[in-house]
Amino acid sequence: MRNRAIDFVKGRRKDEAYPEASAETLITSAAPYDSSHAIADDECLEFLRQEVNKLKREDRELFLMKARGLKEREIAEQTGRPPGTVASQIARLLERLRASLRERGC
């Protein structure tokens, strides 16, 4: 599932406008997948939605900006934070989400 989300983000063109979307929309539109794994994927998707919704507002904003394909430098410009801080916050946030998914068996 994580790879599908990464493929989705990479597939977007850099100069393409990013529409406003909720975390659920971004997560569910990641990419088509093999229906033989649909039950497990659906459960993992729902779990990821719940985990994203539990995040603090600032973390959720970082996640959504990154999910929309913005680079850390662009996120830093928009949030007024140093680029290194943004990069490390995103790395820690994604690692926490990955760890939660691994614990869940996704």
PDB file of N, CA and C in Angstrom:
ATOM      1  N   MET A   1       0.833  -1.176   0.000  1.00  0.00           N
ATOM      2  CA  MET A   1       0.000   0.000   0.000  1.00  0.00           C
ATOM      3  C   MET A   1       0.881   1.243   0.000  1.00  0.00           C
ATOM      4  N   ARG A   2       1.932   1.256   0.828  1.00  0.00           N
ATOM      5  CA  ARG A   2       2.819   2.405   0.896  1.00  0.00           C
ATOM      6  C   ARG A   2       3.432   2.668  -0.473  1.00  0.00           C
ATOM      7  N   ASN A   3       3.805   1.611  -1.164  1.00  0.00           N
ATOM      8  CA  ASN A   3       4.406   1.770  -2.488  1.00  0.00           C
ATOM      9  C   ASN A   3       3.408   2.362  -3.475  1.00  0.00           C
ATOM     10  N   ARG A   4       2.143   1.983  -3.360  1.00  0.00           N
ATOM     11  CA  ARG A   4       1.125   2.557  -4.242  1.00  0.00           C
ATOM     12  C   ARG A   4       0.984   4.049  -4.004  1.00  0.00           C
ATOM     13  N   ALA A   5       1.039   4.461  -2.738  1.00  0.00           N
ATOM     14  CA  ALA A   5       0.951   5.885  -2.418  1.00  0.00           C
ATOM     15  C   ALA A   5       2.159   6.631  -2.971  1.00  0.00           C
ATOM     16  N   ILE A   6       3.332   6.029  -2.856  1.00  0.00           N
ATOM     17  CA  ILE A   6       4.546   6.648  -3.387  1.00  0.00           C
ATOM     18  C   ILE A   6       4.457   6.749  -4.908  1.00  0.00           C
ATOM     19  N   ASP A   7       3.999   5.688  -5.570  1.00  0.00           N
ATOM     20  CA  ASP A   7       3.848   5.723  -7.024  1.00  0.00           C
ATOM     21  C   ASP A   7       2.878   6.811  -7.451  1.00  0.00           C
ATOM     22  N   PHE A   8       1.797   6.971  -6.684  1.00  0.00           N
ATOM     23  CA  PHE A   8       0.809   8.007  -6.985  1.00  0.00           C
ATOM     24  C   PHE A   8       1.449   9.387  -6.918  1.00  0.00           C
ATOM     25  N   VAL A   9       2.187   9.628  -5.856  1.00  0.00           N
ATOM     26  CA  VAL A   9       2.817  10.934  -5.673  1.00  0.00           C
ATOM     27  C   VAL A   9       3.851  11.180  -6.766  1.00  0.00           C
ATOM     28  N   LYS A  10       4.661  10.177  -7.074  1.00  0.00           N
ATOM     29  CA  LYS A  10       5.687  10.333  -8.103  1.00  0.00           C
ATOM     30  C   LYS A  10       5.061  10.522  -9.477  1.00  0.00           C
ATOM     31  N   GLY A  11       3.893   9.933  -9.683  1.00  0.00           N
ATOM     32  CA  GLY A  11       3.232  10.024 -10.976  1.00  0.00           C
ATOM     33  C   GLY A  11       2.682  11.399 -11.286  1.00  0.00           C
ATOM     34  N   ARG A  12       2.532  12.205 -10.291  1.00  0.00           N
ATOM     35  CA  ARG A  12       2.011  13.552 -10.504  1.00  0.00           C
ATOM     36  C   ARG A  12       3.122  14.432 -11.068  1.00  0.00           C
ATOM     37  N   ARG A  13       2.768  15.289 -11.959  1.00  0.00           N
ATOM     38  CA  ARG A  13       3.770  16.201 -12.500  1.00  0.00           C
ATOM     39  C   ARG A  13       4.057  17.299 -11.497  1.00  0.00           C
ATOM     40  N   LYS A  14       5.304  17.760 -11.490  1.00  0.00           N
ATOM     41  CA  LYS A  14       5.721  18.781 -10.531  1.00  0.00           C
ATOM     42  C   LYS A  14       4.899  20.048 -10.654  1.00  0.00           C
ATOM     43  N   ASP A  15       4.593  20.463 -11.869  1.00  0.00           N
ATOM     44  CA  ASP A  15       3.909  21.734 -12.053  1.00  0.00           C
ATOM     45  C   ASP A  15       2.395  21.617 -12.026  1.00  0.00           C
ATOM     46  N   GLU A  16       1.877  20.433 -11.803  1.00  0.00           N
ATOM     47  CA  GLU A  16       0.438  20.216 -11.772  1.00  0.00           C
ATOM     48  C   GLU A  16      -0.154  20.815 -10.506  1.00  0.00           C
ATOM     49  N   ALA A  17      -1.281  21.471 -10.646  1.00  0.00           N
ATOM     50  CA  ALA A  17      -1.944  22.043  -9.472  1.00  0.00           C
ATOM     51  C   ALA A  17      -2.511  20.920  -8.618  1.00  0.00           C
ATOM     52  N   TYR A  18      -2.400  21.065  -7.314  1.00  0.00           N
ATOM     53  CA  TYR A  18      -2.892  20.054  -6.387  1.00  0.00           C
ATOM     54  C   TYR A  18      -4.216  20.515  -5.815  1.00  0.00           C
ATOM     55  N   PRO A  19      -5.295  19.805  -6.121  1.00  0.00           N
ATOM     56  CA  PRO A  19      -6.600  20.211  -5.613  1.00  0.00           C
ATOM     57  C   PRO A  19      -6.691  19.985  -4.117  1.00  0.00           C
ATOM     58  N   GLU A  20      -7.532  20.755  -3.483  1.00  0.00           N
ATOM     59  CA  GLU A  20      -7.779  20.541  -2.062  1.00  0.00           C
ATOM     60  C   GLU A  20      -8.466  19.195  -1.915  1.00  0.00           C
ATOM     61  N   ALA A  21      -7.977  18.388  -1.003  1.00  0.00           N
ATOM     62  CA  ALA A  21      -8.545  17.063  -0.808  1.00  0.00           C
ATOM     63  C   ALA A  21      -8.312  16.647   0.633  1.00  0.00           C
ATOM     64  N   SER A  22      -9.187  15.801   1.096  1.00  0.00           N
ATOM     65  CA  SER A  22      -9.043  15.290   2.447  1.00  0.00           C
ATOM     66  C   SER A  22      -8.031  14.155   2.455  1.00  0.00           C
ATOM     67  N   ALA A  23      -7.600  13.771   3.637  1.00  0.00           N
ATOM     68  CA  ALA A  23      -6.669  12.652   3.763  1.00  0.00           C
ATOM     69  C   ALA A  23      -7.293  11.395   3.173  1.00  0.00           C
ATOM     70  N   GLU A  24      -8.590  11.203   3.394  1.00  0.00           N
ATOM     71  CA  GLU A  24      -9.270  10.013   2.885  1.00  0.00           C
ATOM     72  C   GLU A  24      -9.212   9.968   1.364  1.00  0.00           C
ATOM     73  N   THR A  25      -9.436  11.102   0.715  1.00  0.00           N
ATOM     74  CA  THR A  25      -9.393  11.149  -0.739  1.00  0.00           C
ATOM     75  C   THR A  25      -8.003  10.815  -1.247  1.00  0.00           C
ATOM     76  N   LEU A  26      -6.977  11.380  -0.627  1.00  0.00           N
ATOM     77  CA  LEU A  26      -5.609  11.118  -1.052  1.00  0.00           C
ATOM     78  C   LEU A  26      -5.236   9.667  -0.842  1.00  0.00           C
ATOM     79  N   ILE A  27      -5.637   9.102   0.268  1.00  0.00           N
ATOM     80  CA  ILE A  27      -5.275   7.724   0.581  1.00  0.00           C
ATOM     81  C   ILE A  27      -5.992   6.753  -0.350  1.00  0.00           C
ATOM     82  N   THR A  28      -7.277   6.964  -0.588  1.00  0.00           N
ATOM     83  CA  THR A  28      -8.048   6.024  -1.399  1.00  0.00           C
ATOM     84  C   THR A  28      -7.755   6.154  -2.878  1.00  0.00           C
ATOM     85  N   SER A  29      -7.237   7.299  -3.329  1.00  0.00           N
ATOM     86  CA  SER A  29      -6.977   7.469  -4.751  1.00  0.00           C
ATOM     87  C   SER A  29      -5.542   7.121  -5.116  1.00  0.00           C
ATOM     88  N   ALA A  30      -4.811   6.488  -4.218  1.00  0.00           N
ATOM     89  CA  ALA A  30      -3.387   6.230  -4.435  1.00  0.00           C
ATOM     90  C   ALA A  30      -3.131   5.504  -5.748  1.00  0.00           C
ATOM     91  N   ALA A  31      -3.759   4.374  -5.973  1.00  0.00           N
ATOM     92  CA  ALA A  31      -3.545   3.635  -7.219  1.00  0.00           C
ATOM     93  C   ALA A  31      -4.446   2.413  -7.226  1.00  0.00           C
ATOM     94  N   PRO A  32      -4.751   1.896  -8.425  1.00  0.00           N
ATOM     95  CA  PRO A  32      -5.526   0.656  -8.452  1.00  0.00           C
ATOM     96  C   PRO A  32      -4.689  -0.486  -7.904  1.00  0.00           C
ATOM     97  N   TYR A  33      -5.363  -1.503  -7.392  1.00  0.00           N
ATOM     98  CA  TYR A  33      -4.614  -2.608  -6.813  1.00  0.00           C
ATOM     99  C   TYR A  33      -5.271  -3.926  -7.136  1.00  0.00           C
ATOM    100  N   ASP A  34      -4.539  -4.985  -6.923  1.00  0.00           N
ATOM    101  CA  ASP A  34      -4.992  -6.332  -7.181  1.00  0.00           C
ATOM    102  C   ASP A  34      -6.128  -6.673  -6.227  1.00  0.00           C
ATOM    103  N   SER A  35      -7.284  -7.065  -6.760  1.00  0.00           N
ATOM    104  CA  SER A  35      -8.451  -7.319  -5.923  1.00  0.00           C
ATOM    105  C   SER A  35      -8.302  -8.566  -5.059  1.00  0.00           C
ATOM    106  N   SER A  36      -7.327  -9.427  -5.331  1.00  0.00           N
ATOM    107  CA  SER A  36      -7.139 -10.619  -4.511  1.00  0.00           C
ATOM    108  C   SER A  36      -6.669 -10.250  -3.105  1.00  0.00           C
ATOM    109  N   HIS A  37      -6.120  -9.043  -2.951  1.00  0.00           N
ATOM    110  CA  HIS A  37      -5.677  -8.574  -1.646  1.00  0.00           C
ATOM    111  C   HIS A  37      -6.597  -7.489  -1.099  1.00  0.00           C
ATOM    112  N   ALA A  38      -7.792  -7.363  -1.658  1.00  0.00           N
ATOM    113  CA  ALA A  38      -8.687  -6.252  -1.341  1.00  0.00           C
ATOM    114  C   ALA A  38      -9.091  -6.214   0.127  1.00  0.00           C
ATOM    115  N   ILE A  39      -9.351  -7.340   0.738  1.00  0.00           N
ATOM    116  CA  ILE A  39      -9.806  -7.337   2.129  1.00  0.00           C
ATOM    117  C   ILE A  39      -8.708  -6.808   3.035  1.00  0.00           C
ATOM    118  N   ALA A  40      -7.519  -7.343   2.915  1.00  0.00           N
ATOM    119  CA  ALA A  40      -6.406  -6.888   3.747  1.00  0.00           C
ATOM    120  C   ALA A  40      -6.082  -5.425   3.451  1.00  0.00           C
ATOM    121  N   ASP A  41      -6.078  -5.058   2.171  1.00  0.00           N
ATOM    122  CA  ASP A  41      -5.787  -3.683   1.802  1.00  0.00           C
ATOM    123  C   ASP A  41      -6.847  -2.729   2.334  1.00  0.00           C
ATOM    124  N   ASP A  42      -8.112  -3.135   2.256  1.00  0.00           N
ATOM    125  CA  ASP A  42      -9.190  -2.280   2.761  1.00  0.00           C
ATOM    126  C   ASP A  42      -9.049  -2.059   4.264  1.00  0.00           C
ATOM    127  N   GLU A  43      -8.709  -3.115   4.974  1.00  0.00           N
ATOM    128  CA  GLU A  43      -8.521  -2.985   6.421  1.00  0.00           C
ATOM    129  C   GLU A  43      -7.339  -2.072   6.733  1.00  0.00           C
ATOM    130  N   CYS A  44      -6.260  -2.242   5.979  1.00  0.00           N
ATOM    131  CA  CYS A  44      -5.075  -1.399   6.190  1.00  0.00           C
ATOM    132  C   CYS A  44      -5.364   0.049   5.830  1.00  0.00           C
ATOM    133  N   LEU A  45      -6.117   0.258   4.757  1.00  0.00           N
ATOM    134  CA  LEU A  45      -6.488   1.615   4.349  1.00  0.00           C
ATOM    135  C   LEU A  45      -7.310   2.298   5.430  1.00  0.00           C
ATOM    136  N   GLU A  46      -8.273   1.580   5.964  1.00  0.00           N
ATOM    137  CA  GLU A  46      -9.106   2.141   7.031  1.00  0.00           C
ATOM    138  C   GLU A  46      -8.273   2.444   8.268  1.00  0.00           C
ATOM    139  N   PHE A  47      -7.354   1.555   8.597  1.00  0.00           N
ATOM    140  CA  PHE A  47      -6.479   1.782   9.739  1.00  0.00           C
ATOM    141  C   PHE A  47      -5.616   3.020   9.516  1.00  0.00           C
ATOM    142  N   LEU A  48      -5.074   3.162   8.290  1.00  0.00           N
ATOM    143  CA  LEU A  48      -4.259   4.338   7.979  1.00  0.00           C
ATOM    144  C   LEU A  48      -5.088   5.614   8.082  1.00  0.00           C
ATOM    145  N   ARG A  49      -6.334   5.586   7.585  1.00  0.00           N
ATOM    146  CA  ARG A  49      -7.230   6.751   7.723  1.00  0.00           C
ATOM    147  C   ARG A  49      -7.396   7.133   9.188  1.00  0.00           C
ATOM    148  N   GLN A  50      -7.619   6.132  10.033  1.00  0.00           N
ATOM    149  CA  GLN A  50      -7.798   6.389  11.460  1.00  0.00           C
ATOM    150  C   GLN A  50      -6.535   6.982  12.067  1.00  0.00           C
ATOM    151  N   GLU A  51      -5.386   6.447  11.695  1.00  0.00           N
ATOM    152  CA  GLU A  51      -4.113   6.957  12.229  1.00  0.00           C
ATOM    153  C   GLU A  51      -3.869   8.393  11.775  1.00  0.00           C
ATOM    154  N   VAL A  52      -4.164   8.697  10.530  1.00  0.00           N
ATOM    155  CA  VAL A  52      -3.987  10.062  10.020  1.00  0.00           C
ATOM    156  C   VAL A  52      -4.940  11.011  10.742  1.00  0.00           C
ATOM    157  N   ASN A  53      -6.160  10.563  10.972  1.00  0.00           N
ATOM    158  CA  ASN A  53      -7.129  11.416  11.668  1.00  0.00           C
ATOM    159  C   ASN A  53      -6.757  11.656  13.130  1.00  0.00           C
ATOM    160  N   LYS A  54      -5.963  10.752  13.720  1.00  0.00           N
ATOM    161  CA  LYS A  54      -5.525  10.922  15.108  1.00  0.00           C
ATOM    162  C   LYS A  54      -4.368  11.911  15.241  1.00  0.00           C
ATOM    163  N   LEU A  55      -3.702  12.225  14.124  1.00  0.00           N
ATOM    164  CA  LEU A  55      -2.532  13.107  14.180  1.00  0.00           C
ATOM    165  C   LEU A  55      -2.913  14.509  14.638  1.00  0.00           C
ATOM    166  N   LYS A  56      -1.929  15.187  15.242  1.00  0.00           N
ATOM    167  CA  LYS A  56      -2.123  16.597  15.571  1.00  0.00           C
ATOM    168  C   LYS A  56      -2.303  17.359  14.263  1.00  0.00           C
ATOM    169  N   ARG A  57      -2.961  18.498  14.346  1.00  0.00           N
ATOM    170  CA  ARG A  57      -3.252  19.285  13.150  1.00  0.00           C
ATOM    171  C   ARG A  57      -1.984  19.574  12.338  1.00  0.00           C
ATOM    172  N   GLU A  58      -0.916  19.975  13.001  1.00  0.00           N
ATOM    173  CA  GLU A  58       0.330  20.319  12.305  1.00  0.00           C
ATOM    174  C   GLU A  58       0.913  19.107  11.584  1.00  0.00           C
ATOM    175  N   ASP A  59       0.880  17.951  12.243  1.00  0.00           N
ATOM    176  CA  ASP A  59       1.394  16.729  11.623  1.00  0.00           C
ATOM    177  C   ASP A  59       0.530  16.306  10.440  1.00  0.00           C
ATOM    178  N   ARG A  60      -0.783  16.437  10.602  1.00  0.00           N
ATOM    179  CA  ARG A  60      -1.697  16.086   9.516  1.00  0.00           C
ATOM    180  C   ARG A  60      -1.452  16.991   8.301  1.00  0.00           C
ATOM    181  N   GLU A  61      -1.210  18.289   8.554  1.00  0.00           N
ATOM    182  CA  GLU A  61      -0.917  19.209   7.456  1.00  0.00           C
ATOM    183  C   GLU A  61       0.361  18.806   6.729  1.00  0.00           C
ATOM    184  N   LEU A  62       1.396  18.454   7.490  1.00  0.00           N
ATOM    185  CA  LEU A  62       2.649  18.003   6.870  1.00  0.00           C
ATOM    186  C   LEU A  62       2.407  16.758   6.019  1.00  0.00           C
ATOM    187  N   PHE A  63       1.666  15.797   6.577  1.00  0.00           N
ATOM    188  CA  PHE A  63       1.375  14.558   5.862  1.00  0.00           C
ATOM    189  C   PHE A  63       0.634  14.860   4.560  1.00  0.00           C
ATOM    190  N   LEU A  64      -0.379  15.707   4.624  1.00  0.00           N
ATOM    191  CA  LEU A  64      -1.173  16.005   3.429  1.00  0.00           C
ATOM    192  C   LEU A  64      -0.349  16.745   2.375  1.00  0.00           C
ATOM    193  N   MET A  65       0.494  17.674   2.812  1.00  0.00           N
ATOM    194  CA  MET A  65       1.344  18.380   1.848  1.00  0.00           C
ATOM    195  C   MET A  65       2.304  17.406   1.173  1.00  0.00           C
ATOM    196  N   LYS A  66       2.892  16.528   1.961  1.00  0.00           N
ATOM    197  CA  LYS A  66       3.816  15.528   1.408  1.00  0.00           C
ATOM    198  C   LYS A  66       3.058  14.568   0.492  1.00  0.00           C
ATOM    199  N   ALA A  67       1.864  14.147   0.887  1.00  0.00           N
ATOM    200  CA  ALA A  67       1.054  13.240   0.076  1.00  0.00           C
ATOM    201  C   ALA A  67       0.644  13.881  -1.246  1.00  0.00           C
ATOM    202  N   ARG A  68       0.513  15.185  -1.257  1.00  0.00           N
ATOM    203  CA  ARG A  68       0.175  15.897  -2.495  1.00  0.00           C
ATOM    204  C   ARG A  68       1.385  16.069  -3.401  1.00  0.00           C
ATOM    205  N   GLY A  69       2.560  15.640  -2.930  1.00  0.00           N
ATOM    206  CA  GLY A  69       3.742  15.665  -3.766  1.00  0.00           C
ATOM    207  C   GLY A  69       4.652  16.859  -3.576  1.00  0.00           C
ATOM    208  N   LEU A  70       4.356  17.694  -2.586  1.00  0.00           N
ATOM    209  CA  LEU A  70       5.230  18.833  -2.336  1.00  0.00           C
ATOM    210  C   LEU A  70       6.557  18.350  -1.766  1.00  0.00           C
ATOM    211  N   LYS A  71       7.626  19.012  -2.152  1.00  0.00           N
ATOM    212  CA  LYS A  71       8.947  18.688  -1.615  1.00  0.00           C
ATOM    213  C   LYS A  71       9.112  19.385  -0.275  1.00  0.00           C
ATOM    214  N   GLU A  72      10.050  18.875   0.521  1.00  0.00           N
ATOM    215  CA  GLU A  72      10.280  19.465   1.842  1.00  0.00           C
ATOM    216  C   GLU A  72      10.584  20.953   1.751  1.00  0.00           C
ATOM    217  N   ARG A  73      11.342  21.339   0.720  1.00  0.00           N
ATOM    218  CA  ARG A  73      11.685  22.746   0.528  1.00  0.00           C
ATOM    219  C   ARG A  73      10.422  23.592   0.312  1.00  0.00           C
ATOM    220  N   GLU A  74       9.493  23.081  -0.488  1.00  0.00           N
ATOM    221  CA  GLU A  74       8.243  23.796  -0.754  1.00  0.00           C
ATOM    222  C   GLU A  74       7.379  23.870   0.504  1.00  0.00           C
ATOM    223  N   ILE A  75       7.345  22.785   1.252  1.00  0.00           N
ATOM    224  CA  ILE A  75       6.580  22.773   2.499  1.00  0.00           C
ATOM    225  C   ILE A  75       7.177  23.777   3.477  1.00  0.00           C
ATOM    226  N   ALA A  76       8.507  23.834   3.539  1.00  0.00           N
ATOM    227  CA  ALA A  76       9.180  24.778   4.431  1.00  0.00           C
ATOM    228  C   ALA A  76       8.816  26.212   4.066  1.00  0.00           C
ATOM    229  N   GLU A  77       8.776  26.516   2.781  1.00  0.00           N
ATOM    230  CA  GLU A  77       8.405  27.860   2.339  1.00  0.00           C
ATOM    231  C   GLU A  77       6.980  28.195   2.750  1.00  0.00           C
ATOM    232  N   GLN A  78       6.073  27.241   2.605  1.00  0.00           N
ATOM    233  CA  GLN A  78       4.665  27.490   2.924  1.00  0.00           C
ATOM    234  C   GLN A  78       4.413  27.593   4.423  1.00  0.00           C
ATOM    235  N   THR A  79       5.172  26.857   5.208  1.00  0.00           N
ATOM    236  CA  THR A  79       4.928  26.845   6.657  1.00  0.00           C
ATOM    237  C   THR A  79       5.824  27.802   7.425  1.00  0.00           C
ATOM    238  N   GLY A  80       6.873  28.305   6.768  1.00  0.00           N
ATOM    239  CA  GLY A  80       7.787  29.216   7.447  1.00  0.00           C
ATOM    240  C   GLY A  80       8.758  28.524   8.386  1.00  0.00           C
ATOM    241  N   ARG A  81       8.906  27.221   8.232  1.00  0.00           N
ATOM    242  CA  ARG A  81       9.841  26.454   9.063  1.00  0.00           C
ATOM    243  C   ARG A  81      11.130  26.221   8.291  1.00  0.00           C
ATOM    244  N   PRO A  82      12.234  25.992   8.988  1.00  0.00           N
ATOM    245  CA  PRO A  82      13.481  25.655   8.284  1.00  0.00           C
ATOM    246  C   PRO A  82      13.332  24.331   7.532  1.00  0.00           C
ATOM    247  N   PRO A  83      13.930  24.232   6.334  1.00  0.00           N
ATOM    248  CA  PRO A  83      13.806  22.999   5.535  1.00  0.00           C
ATOM    249  C   PRO A  83      14.284  21.747   6.268  1.00  0.00           C
ATOM    250  N   GLY A  84      15.355  21.838   7.028  1.00  0.00           N
ATOM    251  CA  GLY A  84      15.847  20.674   7.768  1.00  0.00           C
ATOM    252  C   GLY A  84      14.857  20.202   8.814  1.00  0.00           C
ATOM    253  N   THR A  85      14.199  21.158   9.466  1.00  0.00           N
ATOM    254  CA  THR A  85      13.190  20.817  10.470  1.00  0.00           C
ATOM    255  C   THR A  85      12.014  20.104   9.818  1.00  0.00           C
ATOM    256  N   VAL A  86      11.569  20.632   8.682  1.00  0.00           N
ATOM    257  CA  VAL A  86      10.447  20.018   7.964  1.00  0.00           C
ATOM    258  C   VAL A  86      10.816  18.599   7.545  1.00  0.00           C
ATOM    259  N   ALA A  87      12.007  18.426   6.994  1.00  0.00           N
ATOM    260  CA  ALA A  87      12.437  17.098   6.541  1.00  0.00           C
ATOM    261  C   ALA A  87      12.467  16.104   7.693  1.00  0.00           C
ATOM    262  N   SER A  88      13.006  16.522   8.840  1.00  0.00           N
ATOM    263  CA  SER A  88      13.083  15.586   9.962  1.00  0.00           C
ATOM    264  C   SER A  88      11.699  15.311  10.552  1.00  0.00           C
ATOM    265  N   GLN A  89      10.824  16.321  10.593  1.00  0.00           N
ATOM    266  CA  GLN A  89       9.472  16.099  11.103  1.00  0.00           C
ATOM    267  C   GLN A  89       8.710  15.129  10.218  1.00  0.00           C
ATOM    268  N   ILE A  90       8.853  15.290   8.909  1.00  0.00           N
ATOM    269  CA  ILE A  90       8.168  14.389   7.984  1.00  0.00           C
ATOM    270  C   ILE A  90       8.726  12.974   8.110  1.00  0.00           C
ATOM    271  N   ALA A  91      10.033  12.855   8.204  1.00  0.00           N
ATOM    272  CA  ALA A  91      10.649  11.528   8.334  1.00  0.00           C
ATOM    273  C   ALA A  91      10.149  10.824   9.594  1.00  0.00           C
ATOM    274  N   ARG A  92      10.107  11.543  10.720  1.00  0.00           N
ATOM    275  CA  ARG A  92       9.619  10.932  11.967  1.00  0.00           C
ATOM    276  C   ARG A  92       8.137  10.591  11.868  1.00  0.00           C
ATOM    277  N   LEU A  93       7.351  11.460  11.262  1.00  0.00           N
ATOM    278  CA  LEU A  93       5.921  11.222  11.103  1.00  0.00           C
ATOM    279  C   LEU A  93       5.672   9.979  10.258  1.00  0.00           C
ATOM    280  N   LEU A  94       6.351   9.877   9.123  1.00  0.00           N
ATOM    281  CA  LEU A  94       6.167   8.714   8.259  1.00  0.00           C
ATOM    282  C   LEU A  94       6.646   7.434   8.928  1.00  0.00           C
ATOM    283  N   GLU A  95       7.716   7.515   9.689  1.00  0.00           N
ATOM    284  CA  GLU A  95       8.193   6.326  10.397  1.00  0.00           C
ATOM    285  C   GLU A  95       7.177   5.876  11.448  1.00  0.00           C
ATOM    286  N   ARG A  96       6.560   6.824  12.144  1.00  0.00           N
ATOM    287  CA  ARG A  96       5.517   6.459  13.126  1.00  0.00           C
ATOM    288  C   ARG A  96       4.347   5.780  12.427  1.00  0.00           C
ATOM    289  N   LEU A  97       3.923   6.315  11.270  1.00  0.00           N
ATOM    290  CA  LEU A  97       2.816   5.705  10.531  1.00  0.00           C
ATOM    291  C   LEU A  97       3.205   4.314  10.025  1.00  0.00           C
ATOM    292  N   ARG A  98       4.430   4.175   9.508  1.00  0.00           N
ATOM    293  CA  ARG A  98       4.897   2.860   9.057  1.00  0.00           C
ATOM    294  C   ARG A  98       4.918   1.853  10.199  1.00  0.00           C
ATOM    295  N   ALA A  99       5.405   2.296  11.362  1.00  0.00           N
ATOM    296  CA  ALA A  99       5.467   1.409  12.525  1.00  0.00           C
ATOM    297  C   ALA A  99       4.063   0.972  12.926  1.00  0.00           C
ATOM    298  N   SER A 100       3.113   1.898  12.910  1.00  0.00           N
ATOM    299  CA  SER A 100       1.724   1.555  13.248  1.00  0.00           C
ATOM    300  C   SER A 100       1.175   0.533  12.262  1.00  0.00           C
ATOM    301  N   LEU A 101       1.455   0.735  10.980  1.00  0.00           N
ATOM    302  CA  LEU A 101       0.976  -0.211   9.975  1.00  0.00           C
ATOM    303  C   LEU A 101       1.625  -1.579  10.142  1.00  0.00           C
ATOM    304  N   ARG A 102       2.926  -1.593  10.442  1.00  0.00           N
ATOM    305  CA  ARG A 102       3.608  -2.877  10.662  1.00  0.00           C
ATOM    306  C   ARG A 102       3.013  -3.609  11.864  1.00  0.00           C
ATOM    307  N   GLU A 103       2.778  -2.869  12.954  1.00  0.00           N
ATOM    308  CA  GLU A 103       2.178  -3.499  14.134  1.00  0.00           C
ATOM    309  C   GLU A 103       0.814  -4.084  13.816  1.00  0.00           C
ATOM    310  N   ARG A 104       0.105  -3.433  12.947  1.00  0.00           N
ATOM    311  CA  ARG A 104      -1.222  -3.893  12.540  1.00  0.00           C
ATOM    312  C   ARG A 104      -1.144  -5.082  11.576  1.00  0.00           C
ATOM    313  N   GLY A 105       0.028  -5.305  10.991  1.00  0.00           N
ATOM    314  CA  GLY A 105       0.195  -6.409  10.053  1.00  0.00           C
ATOM    315  C   GLY A 105      -0.006  -6.009   8.614  1.00  0.00           C
ATOM    316  N   CYS A 106       0.054  -4.733   8.340  1.00  0.00           N
ATOM    317  CA  CYS A 106      -0.135  -4.231   6.969  1.00  0.00           C
ATOM    318  C   CYS A 106       1.191  -4.094   6.247  1.00  0.00           C
TER     319      CYS A 106
END
